[in-house]
Amino acid sequence: MSLHPHWIEIRKIVAYNLQKSARQQAKAVLATTTHTGLFEDSDPSVQAKIIVKH
């Protein structure tokens, strides 16, 4: 299932503004997602990747 281009742009704007605000305030954001695009858009300084094998 792919996202509509409009939602991709909104996702990029929200991710950018969230990371910018957190860095300006010297705060950390802890977020979890299954969508790799959100990770790429937020440009995190630290990443933890959890792999679950069944």
C-alpha atoms as a PDB file:
ATOM      1  CA  MET A   1       0.000   0.000   0.000  1.00  0.00           C
ATOM      2  CA  SER A   2       1.570   3.284  -1.034  1.00  0.00           C
ATOM      3  CA  LEU A   3       0.721   6.683   0.351  1.00  0.00           C
ATOM      4  CA  HIS A   4      -0.883   9.416  -1.697  1.00  0.00           C
ATOM      5  CA  PRO A   5       1.743  12.045  -2.668  1.00  0.00           C
ATOM      6  CA  HIS A   6      -0.099  14.639  -0.555  1.00  0.00           C
ATOM      7  CA  TRP A   7       0.417  12.536   2.604  1.00  0.00           C
ATOM      8  CA  ILE A   8       4.083  12.038   1.796  1.00  0.00           C
ATOM      9  CA  GLU A   9       4.612  15.806   1.730  1.00  0.00           C
ATOM     10  CA  ILE A  10       2.744  16.248   5.017  1.00  0.00           C
ATOM     11  CA  ARG A  11       4.853  13.475   6.567  1.00  0.00           C
ATOM     12  CA  LYS A  12       8.053  15.233   5.463  1.00  0.00           C
ATOM     13  CA  ILE A  13       6.949  18.592   6.856  1.00  0.00           C
ATOM     14  CA  VAL A  14       5.913  17.153  10.225  1.00  0.00           C
ATOM     15  CA  ALA A  15       9.094  15.093  10.575  1.00  0.00           C
ATOM     16  CA  TYR A  16      11.320  18.039   9.679  1.00  0.00           C
ATOM     17  CA  ASN A  17       9.584  20.447  12.050  1.00  0.00           C
ATOM     18  CA  LEU A  18       9.580  17.943  14.905  1.00  0.00           C
ATOM     19  CA  GLN A  19      13.320  17.241  14.662  1.00  0.00           C
ATOM     20  CA  LYS A  20      14.120  20.946  14.217  1.00  0.00           C
ATOM     21  CA  SER A  21      12.106  21.924  17.274  1.00  0.00           C
ATOM     22  CA  ALA A  22      13.610  19.142  19.396  1.00  0.00           C
ATOM     23  CA  ARG A  23      17.171  20.109  18.450  1.00  0.00           C
ATOM     24  CA  GLN A  24      16.564  23.805  19.124  1.00  0.00           C
ATOM     25  CA  GLN A  25      15.272  22.964  22.602  1.00  0.00           C
ATOM     26  CA  ALA A  26      17.965  20.334  23.260  1.00  0.00           C
ATOM     27  CA  LYS A  27      15.245  17.719  23.728  1.00  0.00           C
ATOM     28  CA  ALA A  28      14.983  14.157  22.548  1.00  0.00           C
ATOM     29  CA  VAL A  29      12.137  12.585  20.624  1.00  0.00           C
ATOM     30  CA  LEU A  30      11.414   8.900  20.934  1.00  0.00           C
ATOM     31  CA  ALA A  31       9.303   7.648  18.065  1.00  0.00           C
ATOM     32  CA  THR A  32       8.508   4.215  16.724  1.00  0.00           C
ATOM     33  CA  THR A  33       7.268   3.396  13.266  1.00  0.00           C
ATOM     34  CA  THR A  34       7.070   0.618  10.739  1.00  0.00           C
ATOM     35  CA  HIS A  35       7.315   3.162   7.916  1.00  0.00           C
ATOM     36  CA  THR A  36      10.911   3.627   6.801  1.00  0.00           C
ATOM     37  CA  GLY A  37      10.036   6.845   5.001  1.00  0.00           C
ATOM     38  CA  LEU A  38       9.301   8.589   8.271  1.00  0.00           C
ATOM     39  CA  PHE A  39      12.725   7.609   9.555  1.00  0.00           C
ATOM     40  CA  GLU A  40      14.404   9.019   6.474  1.00  0.00           C
ATOM     41  CA  ASP A  41      12.458  12.294   6.664  1.00  0.00           C
ATOM     42  CA  SER A  42      13.240  12.945  10.325  1.00  0.00           C
ATOM     43  CA  ASP A  43      17.039  12.624   9.934  1.00  0.00           C
ATOM     44  CA  PRO A  44      17.644  11.249  13.443  1.00  0.00           C
ATOM     45  CA  SER A  45      20.980  11.610  15.203  1.00  0.00           C
ATOM     46  CA  VAL A  46      20.523   8.229  16.922  1.00  0.00           C
ATOM     47  CA  GLN A  47      18.816   5.118  15.568  1.00  0.00           C
ATOM     48  CA  ALA A  48      17.842   1.881  17.265  1.00  0.00           C
ATOM     49  CA  LYS A  49      16.670  -0.868  14.974  1.00  0.00           C
ATOM     50  CA  ILE A  50      14.805  -3.804  16.468  1.00  0.00           C
ATOM     51  CA  ILE A  51      14.460  -6.951  14.414  1.00  0.00           C
ATOM     52  CA  VAL A  52      11.860  -9.443  15.548  1.00  0.00           C
ATOM     53  CA  LYS A  53      12.118 -12.971  14.228  1.00  0.00           C
ATOM     54  CA  HIS A  54       9.230 -15.354  14.596  1.00  0.00           C
END
